[in-house]
Amino acid sequence: MIGPFHMTPEILARIATARAARDLSDLARLLLADTATATSSPQRIEKARRLRQVANEVVDLVVLAEVLAGASWDEITEALGRRDPGTVEREFAEDVAEWSSKSEEELERAAEGYPALDKWYGRHREDQDPELSTPVADLLNRH
C-alpha cells in the first residue's frame, strides 16, 4: 500500500491528470523556447500539435476523474460545451469501465512516483499560484 489511504480510480485519475498537466506545462515551455530558434516549420508545428494532444488528454482525464467522483453526465456535457449527455457518456464509457475495474494493487502500482509531482510543483510554482507545497499528497491525505 502506498500510504494510509484507500487508492481509488478517482484518485488515480487525478494523479494522472496532474502528470499530464506537468507534461503540458513542460511542452509549453519548450515551444516558447523555440520562438527565436532556427527550428524548422514542421518541427514547430509538430511540437504545437503535441501540445494540443496533451491538452486534450488533460481534459479527458479531468472528465474521467469527475465521472469517477460521481459528477452527472449532464454536468459534464454542459462543462464541455456539448449538447448530448448520451453521446458524451458513450465516448467515455470504455475508459470509465476500464479504470473502475482496476484492482487496488493495480491502482497503487499506477500511482507510484506521485511524490515527484509535488516536487515538480514546488520548483515551478509562481507567486500567483495556490500556496500549496504538496497538492498531490494533500489529495491523498484528503481521502
Protein backbone atom coordinates (compact mmCIF):
# COMPACT_ATOMS: atom_id res chain seq x y z
CA MET A 1 0.00 0.00 0.00
CA ILE A 2 1.30 3.46 -0.93
CA GLY A 3 0.00 5.18 2.16
CA PRO A 4 -2.61 5.09 4.90
CA PHE A 5 -5.40 5.74 2.39
CA HIS A 6 -7.53 3.62 0.12
CA MET A 7 -6.47 4.09 -3.51
CA THR A 8 -9.46 4.58 -5.79
CA PRO A 9 -9.89 5.00 -9.54
CA GLU A 10 -10.83 8.64 -8.92
CA ILE A 11 -7.61 9.35 -7.01
CA LEU A 12 -5.54 7.66 -9.72
CA ALA A 13 -7.34 9.69 -12.40
CA ARG A 14 -6.49 12.88 -10.50
CA ILE A 15 -2.84 11.78 -10.23
CA ALA A 16 -2.84 11.01 -13.97
CA THR A 17 -4.31 14.47 -14.56
CA ALA A 18 -1.51 16.03 -12.52
CA ARG A 19 1.08 14.13 -14.57
CA ALA A 20 -0.50 15.24 -17.83
CA ALA A 21 -0.70 18.86 -16.60
CA ARG A 22 3.00 18.72 -15.73
CA ASP A 23 3.79 17.36 -19.20
CA LEU A 24 1.65 20.07 -20.82
CA SER A 25 3.50 22.78 -18.91
CA ASP A 26 6.87 21.33 -19.87
CA LEU A 27 5.84 21.10 -23.53
CA ALA A 28 4.58 24.70 -23.48
CA ARG A 29 7.91 25.92 -22.12
CA LEU A 30 9.77 24.01 -24.84
CA LEU A 31 7.55 25.53 -27.51
CA LEU A 32 8.12 29.00 -26.08
CA ALA A 33 11.88 28.40 -26.04
CA ASP A 34 11.77 27.69 -29.78
CA THR A 35 10.30 31.12 -30.52
CA ALA A 36 13.58 32.58 -31.77
CA THR A 37 15.47 29.40 -32.66
CA ALA A 38 16.29 28.06 -36.11
CA THR A 39 13.70 25.31 -35.69
CA SER A 40 12.00 24.26 -38.93
CA SER A 41 8.33 24.94 -39.61
CA PRO A 42 7.43 21.22 -39.50
CA GLN A 43 9.21 20.85 -36.14
CA ARG A 44 7.36 23.85 -34.67
CA ILE A 45 4.03 22.54 -35.95
CA GLU A 46 4.72 19.04 -34.60
CA LYS A 47 5.55 20.48 -31.17
CA ALA A 48 2.39 22.60 -31.20
CA ARG A 49 0.33 19.61 -32.29
CA ARG A 50 1.78 17.53 -29.44
CA LEU A 51 0.88 20.34 -27.04
CA ARG A 52 -2.72 20.22 -28.27
CA GLN A 53 -2.81 16.42 -27.89
CA VAL A 54 -1.66 16.63 -24.29
CA ALA A 55 -4.16 19.44 -23.58
CA ASN A 56 -6.93 17.17 -24.89
CA GLU A 57 -5.59 14.36 -22.71
CA VAL A 58 -5.79 16.65 -19.66
CA VAL A 59 -9.45 17.43 -20.42
CA ASP A 60 -10.25 13.74 -20.87
CA LEU A 61 -8.56 12.84 -17.59
CA VAL A 62 -10.39 15.60 -15.72
CA VAL A 63 -13.68 14.32 -17.14
CA LEU A 64 -12.77 10.78 -16.13
CA ALA A 65 -11.91 11.87 -12.58
CA GLU A 66 -15.16 13.82 -12.27
CA VAL A 67 -17.22 10.87 -13.53
CA LEU A 68 -15.47 8.58 -11.07
CA ALA A 69 -16.20 11.13 -8.33
CA GLY A 70 -19.90 11.00 -9.17
CA ALA A 71 -20.50 14.01 -11.43
CA SER A 72 -23.53 13.67 -13.67
CA TRP A 73 -23.26 13.37 -17.43
CA ASP A 74 -25.49 16.46 -17.72
CA GLU A 75 -22.95 18.50 -15.70
CA ILE A 76 -20.04 17.13 -17.69
CA THR A 77 -21.74 17.69 -21.04
CA GLU A 78 -22.52 21.29 -20.16
CA ALA A 79 -18.97 21.93 -18.93
CA LEU A 80 -17.58 20.52 -22.19
CA GLY A 81 -19.85 22.83 -24.20
CA ARG A 82 -21.57 19.83 -25.73
CA ARG A 83 -25.25 19.10 -26.22
CA ASP A 84 -25.96 15.39 -25.81
CA PRO A 85 -25.10 13.71 -22.49
CA GLY A 86 -25.68 10.27 -24.03
CA THR A 87 -23.05 10.86 -26.69
CA VAL A 88 -20.54 12.14 -24.13
CA GLU A 89 -21.22 9.19 -21.84
CA ARG A 90 -20.68 6.74 -24.71
CA GLU A 91 -17.38 8.45 -25.61
CA PHE A 92 -16.06 7.88 -22.09
CA ALA A 93 -17.77 4.56 -21.29
CA GLU A 94 -14.79 2.34 -22.13
CA ASP A 95 -12.33 4.42 -20.07
CA VAL A 96 -14.71 4.61 -17.11
CA ALA A 97 -15.23 0.84 -17.20
CA GLU A 98 -11.50 0.16 -17.53
CA TRP A 99 -10.50 2.46 -14.67
CA SER A 100 -13.38 1.25 -12.47
CA SER A 101 -12.34 -2.37 -12.86
CA LYS A 102 -8.73 -1.91 -11.72
CA SER A 103 -7.76 -3.67 -8.50
CA GLU A 104 -6.37 -1.61 -5.65
CA GLU A 105 -2.97 -3.19 -6.33
CA GLU A 106 -3.10 -2.06 -9.99
CA LEU A 107 -4.17 1.42 -8.90
CA GLU A 108 -1.32 1.68 -6.40
CA ARG A 109 1.25 0.50 -8.96
CA ALA A 110 0.00 3.10 -11.45
CA ALA A 111 0.24 5.83 -8.81
CA GLU A 112 3.86 5.07 -7.89
CA GLY A 113 6.18 8.02 -8.14
CA TYR A 114 3.48 10.58 -7.33
CA PRO A 115 5.75 12.49 -4.86
CA ALA A 116 7.74 13.71 -7.89
CA LEU A 117 4.66 15.72 -8.92
CA ASP A 118 4.75 17.67 -5.65
CA LYS A 119 8.47 18.32 -6.12
CA TRP A 120 7.87 19.48 -9.69
CA TYR A 121 5.11 21.82 -8.49
CA GLY A 122 7.40 23.26 -5.83
CA ARG A 123 10.11 24.00 -8.40
CA HIS A 124 7.73 25.65 -10.87
CA ARG A 125 5.24 27.34 -8.54
CA GLU A 126 4.79 31.07 -9.16
CA ASP A 127 3.68 33.66 -6.62
CA GLN A 128 0.14 33.80 -8.05
CA ASP A 129 -0.30 30.00 -7.86
CA PRO A 130 -2.12 28.40 -4.92
CA GLU A 131 0.06 28.27 -1.82
CA LEU A 132 0.27 24.51 -1.65
CA SER A 133 3.52 22.68 -1.16
CA THR A 134 2.19 19.17 -1.77
CA PRO A 135 -1.03 19.23 -3.83
CA VAL A 136 -0.89 15.52 -4.73
CA ALA A 137 -0.09 14.40 -1.19
CA ASP A 138 -2.87 16.71 0.00
CA LEU A 139 -5.28 14.88 -2.34
CA LEU A 140 -4.22 11.54 -0.94
CA ASN A 141 -4.49 12.72 2.66
CA ARG A 142 -7.93 14.23 1.99
CA HIS A 143 -9.46 10.88 1.09
